[in-house]
Amino acid sequence: TCQPHTLTVCRLAFSHDTHYLLSVSRDRSLAVTSVEQGKVLSIVKDAHQRIIWDCAWIDKQRFVTVSRDKTMRMWTLCDDNTCKLLKEWQFESGLTAVAVVDPGQILIGLEDGRVLKMNIDYDEISLQ
């Protein structure tokens, strides 16, 4: 048992190889836990300005988080087990859900009821 958060855990997501468990919380933090060791490897406090509703792994190192603060953030789990922010996207409405279709395509649910499909080429983003 580990307790990386101080408030409600909103989402848990296993990495594709099941070595890591990503968690996000109402306390605006994210945590990466080693499943094998059962210990928290990295915690990012204030990863967003508002509640983090959802998270999803893109590949074995990169993942995204979405928040009521109207942002989606892409992170990487570094070799030293720290999480580094890679990129941030701003939206008109709070984000409540995220799903990775493949490493270049992400679906996002918004508070206003829309679902957006994003194609990411790491420098640009196109919404459909």
C-alpha atoms as a PDB file:
ATOM      1  CA  THR A   1       0.000   0.000   0.000  1.00  0.00           C
ATOM      2  CA  CYS A   2       1.242   3.461  -0.850  1.00  0.00           C
ATOM      3  CA  GLN A   3      -0.357   6.869  -0.434  1.00  0.00           C
ATOM      4  CA  PRO A   4       1.097   9.381  -2.894  1.00  0.00           C
ATOM      5  CA  HIS A   5      -1.914  11.739  -2.759  1.00  0.00           C
ATOM      6  CA  THR A   6      -3.677  13.770  -0.085  1.00  0.00           C
ATOM      7  CA  LEU A   7      -7.115  13.948  -1.750  1.00  0.00           C
ATOM      8  CA  THR A   8      -9.315  11.821  -4.024  1.00  0.00           C
ATOM      9  CA  VAL A   9      -7.508   9.747  -6.647  1.00  0.00           C
ATOM     10  CA  CYS A  10      -9.319  10.406  -9.939  1.00  0.00           C
ATOM     11  CA  ARG A  11      -7.618   7.954 -12.301  1.00  0.00           C
ATOM     12  CA  LEU A  12      -5.152   5.067 -12.330  1.00  0.00           C
ATOM     13  CA  ALA A  13      -3.392   3.942 -15.514  1.00  0.00           C
ATOM     14  CA  PHE A  14      -0.879   1.129 -16.027  1.00  0.00           C
ATOM     15  CA  SER A  15       1.997   1.681 -18.452  1.00  0.00           C
ATOM     16  CA  HIS A  16       1.881  -0.509 -21.568  1.00  0.00           C
ATOM     17  CA  ASP A  17       4.475  -2.896 -20.097  1.00  0.00           C
ATOM     18  CA  THR A  18       2.637  -2.843 -16.688  1.00  0.00           C
ATOM     19  CA  HIS A  19       5.851  -1.838 -14.874  1.00  0.00           C
ATOM     20  CA  TYR A  20       4.433   1.519 -13.741  1.00  0.00           C
ATOM     21  CA  LEU A  21       1.184   2.797 -12.310  1.00  0.00           C
ATOM     22  CA  LEU A  22       0.311   6.431 -12.993  1.00  0.00           C
ATOM     23  CA  SER A  23      -2.162   8.140 -10.663  1.00  0.00           C
ATOM     24  CA  VAL A  24      -3.721  11.601 -10.718  1.00  0.00           C
ATOM     25  CA  SER A  25      -5.672  13.331  -8.003  1.00  0.00           C
ATOM     26  CA  ARG A  26      -7.947  16.104  -6.904  1.00  0.00           C
ATOM     27  CA  ASP A  27      -4.904  17.478  -5.016  1.00  0.00           C
ATOM     28  CA  ARG A  28      -3.452  18.511  -8.443  1.00  0.00           C
ATOM     29  CA  SER A  29      -0.592  16.017  -8.228  1.00  0.00           C
ATOM     30  CA  LEU A  30       0.503  13.075 -10.329  1.00  0.00           C
ATOM     31  CA  ALA A  31       2.493  10.084  -9.143  1.00  0.00           C
ATOM     32  CA  VAL A  32       4.326   7.220 -10.821  1.00  0.00           C
ATOM     33  CA  THR A  33       4.645   4.028  -8.779  1.00  0.00           C
ATOM     34  CA  SER A  34       6.777   0.971  -9.517  1.00  0.00           C
ATOM     35  CA  VAL A  35       4.385  -1.980  -9.620  1.00  0.00           C
ATOM     36  CA  GLU A  36       7.180  -4.487  -8.962  1.00  0.00           C
ATOM     37  CA  GLN A  37       8.688  -2.599  -6.011  1.00  0.00           C
ATOM     38  CA  GLY A  38       5.398  -1.261  -4.701  1.00  0.00           C
ATOM     39  CA  LYS A  39       6.946   2.140  -4.082  1.00  0.00           C
ATOM     40  CA  VAL A  40       6.350   5.628  -5.398  1.00  0.00           C
ATOM     41  CA  LEU A  41       9.119   6.650  -7.792  1.00  0.00           C
ATOM     42  CA  SER A  42       8.039  10.191  -8.581  1.00  0.00           C
ATOM     43  CA  ILE A  43       5.467  12.718  -7.390  1.00  0.00           C
ATOM     44  CA  VAL A  44       4.789  16.024  -9.121  1.00  0.00           C
ATOM     45  CA  LYS A  45       2.920  18.357  -6.782  1.00  0.00           C
ATOM     46  CA  ASP A  46       0.903  21.094  -8.495  1.00  0.00           C
ATOM     47  CA  ALA A  47       1.224  19.347 -11.853  1.00  0.00           C
ATOM     48  CA  HIS A  48      -1.822  21.423 -12.885  1.00  0.00           C
ATOM     49  CA  GLN A  49      -3.597  24.491 -11.487  1.00  0.00           C
ATOM     50  CA  ARG A  50      -6.901  22.654 -10.894  1.00  0.00           C
ATOM     51  CA  ILE A  51      -8.088  19.074 -10.347  1.00  0.00           C
ATOM     52  CA  ILE A  52      -6.489  16.496 -12.657  1.00  0.00           C
ATOM     53  CA  TRP A  53      -9.324  14.356 -13.967  1.00  0.00           C
ATOM     54  CA  ASP A  54      -7.576  11.828 -16.167  1.00  0.00           C
ATOM     55  CA  CYS A  55      -4.309  10.453 -17.489  1.00  0.00           C
ATOM     56  CA  ALA A  56      -3.112   8.014 -20.155  1.00  0.00           C
ATOM     57  CA  TRP A  57       0.189   6.508 -21.251  1.00  0.00           C
ATOM     58  CA  ILE A  58       1.329   7.273 -24.808  1.00  0.00           C
ATOM     59  CA  ASP A  59       4.224   4.815 -24.813  1.00  0.00           C
ATOM     60  CA  LYS A  60       6.601   3.283 -22.262  1.00  0.00           C
ATOM     61  CA  GLN A  61       7.904   6.663 -21.058  1.00  0.00           C
ATOM     62  CA  ARG A  62       5.481   9.398 -22.099  1.00  0.00           C
ATOM     63  CA  PHE A  63       2.028  10.111 -20.725  1.00  0.00           C
ATOM     64  CA  VAL A  64      -0.607  12.866 -20.768  1.00  0.00           C
ATOM     65  CA  THR A  65      -2.711  14.445 -18.037  1.00  0.00           C
ATOM     66  CA  VAL A  66      -5.884  16.537 -18.427  1.00  0.00           C
ATOM     67  CA  SER A  67      -7.354  19.002 -15.985  1.00  0.00           C
ATOM     68  CA  ARG A  68     -10.153  21.391 -15.174  1.00  0.00           C
ATOM     69  CA  ASP A  69      -7.518  24.144 -15.693  1.00  0.00           C
ATOM     70  CA  LYS A  70      -8.177  23.758 -19.463  1.00  0.00           C
ATOM     71  CA  THR A  71      -4.792  22.174 -20.228  1.00  0.00           C
ATOM     72  CA  MET A  72      -3.437  18.879 -21.448  1.00  0.00           C
ATOM     73  CA  ARG A  73       0.169  18.253 -20.494  1.00  0.00           C
ATOM     74  CA  MET A  74       2.580  15.698 -21.910  1.00  0.00           C
ATOM     75  CA  TRP A  75       5.190  14.309 -19.526  1.00  0.00           C
ATOM     76  CA  THR A  76       8.073  11.876 -19.721  1.00  0.00           C
ATOM     77  CA  LEU A  77       9.365   9.516 -17.061  1.00  0.00           C
ATOM     78  CA  CYS A  78      13.128  10.097 -17.106  1.00  0.00           C
ATOM     79  CA  ASP A  79      15.811   7.512 -16.402  1.00  0.00           C
ATOM     80  CA  ASP A  80      16.335   8.990 -12.919  1.00  0.00           C
ATOM     81  CA  ASN A  81      12.593   8.389 -12.210  1.00  0.00           C
ATOM     82  CA  THR A  82      11.683  12.068 -12.303  1.00  0.00           C
ATOM     83  CA  CYS A  83       8.788  13.335 -14.403  1.00  0.00           C
ATOM     84  CA  LYS A  84       9.577  16.135 -16.812  1.00  0.00           C
ATOM     85  CA  LEU A  85       6.991  18.324 -18.531  1.00  0.00           C
ATOM     86  CA  LEU A  86       7.448  18.109 -22.306  1.00  0.00           C
ATOM     87  CA  LYS A  87       4.566  20.121 -23.697  1.00  0.00           C
ATOM     88  CA  GLU A  88       1.323  21.850 -22.753  1.00  0.00           C
ATOM     89  CA  TRP A  89      -1.804  22.557 -24.802  1.00  0.00           C
ATOM     90  CA  GLN A  90      -4.453  25.113 -23.780  1.00  0.00           C
ATOM     91  CA  PHE A  91      -8.183  24.672 -24.514  1.00  0.00           C
ATOM     92  CA  GLU A  92     -11.333  26.794 -24.204  1.00  0.00           C
ATOM     93  CA  SER A  93     -12.996  24.476 -21.699  1.00  0.00           C
ATOM     94  CA  GLY A  94     -11.937  22.234 -18.822  1.00  0.00           C
ATOM     95  CA  LEU A  95     -10.746  18.771 -19.822  1.00  0.00           C
ATOM     96  CA  THR A  96     -12.288  15.735 -18.147  1.00  0.00           C
ATOM     97  CA  ALA A  97     -11.141  12.654 -20.081  1.00  0.00           C
ATOM     98  CA  VAL A  98      -8.317  11.437 -22.287  1.00  0.00           C
ATOM     99  CA  ALA A  99      -7.679   8.297 -24.333  1.00  0.00           C
ATOM    100  CA  VAL A 100      -4.648   7.478 -26.460  1.00  0.00           C
ATOM    101  CA  VAL A 101      -5.657   5.770 -29.704  1.00  0.00           C
ATOM    102  CA  ASP A 102      -2.039   5.420 -30.835  1.00  0.00           C
ATOM    103  CA  PRO A 103       1.089   7.491 -30.093  1.00  0.00           C
ATOM    104  CA  GLY A 104       0.051  10.138 -32.619  1.00  0.00           C
ATOM    105  CA  GLN A 105      -3.669  10.327 -31.910  1.00  0.00           C
ATOM    106  CA  ILE A 106      -5.433  11.324 -28.691  1.00  0.00           C
ATOM    107  CA  LEU A 107      -9.113  11.772 -27.833  1.00  0.00           C
ATOM    108  CA  ILE A 108     -10.057  14.396 -25.239  1.00  0.00           C
ATOM    109  CA  GLY A 109     -13.354  14.907 -23.428  1.00  0.00           C
ATOM    110  CA  LEU A 110     -14.297  18.462 -22.421  1.00  0.00           C
ATOM    111  CA  GLU A 111     -16.581  19.838 -19.706  1.00  0.00           C
ATOM    112  CA  ASP A 112     -18.804  21.376 -22.387  1.00  0.00           C
ATOM    113  CA  GLY A 113     -19.669  17.916 -23.747  1.00  0.00           C
ATOM    114  CA  ARG A 114     -17.398  17.858 -26.796  1.00  0.00           C
ATOM    115  CA  VAL A 115     -14.941  15.102 -27.687  1.00  0.00           C
ATOM    116  CA  LEU A 116     -11.921  16.271 -29.679  1.00  0.00           C
ATOM    117  CA  LYS A 117      -9.608  14.119 -31.761  1.00  0.00           C
ATOM    118  CA  MET A 118      -6.024  15.379 -31.766  1.00  0.00           C
ATOM    119  CA  ASN A 119      -3.296  14.407 -34.170  1.00  0.00           C
ATOM    120  CA  ILE A 120       0.059  15.147 -32.601  1.00  0.00           C
ATOM    121  CA  ASP A 121       3.311  15.363 -34.494  1.00  0.00           C
ATOM    122  CA  TYR A 122       5.092  16.668 -31.373  1.00  0.00           C
ATOM    123  CA  ASP A 123       5.521  20.167 -32.818  1.00  0.00           C
ATOM    124  CA  GLU A 124       2.007  20.816 -34.007  1.00  0.00           C
ATOM    125  CA  ILE A 125      -1.452  19.723 -33.077  1.00  0.00           C
ATOM    126  CA  SER A 126      -4.503  19.503 -35.285  1.00  0.00           C
ATOM    127  CA  LEU A 127      -8.021  19.197 -33.908  1.00  0.00           C
ATOM    128  CA  GLN A 128     -10.749  17.361 -35.786  1.00  0.00           C
END
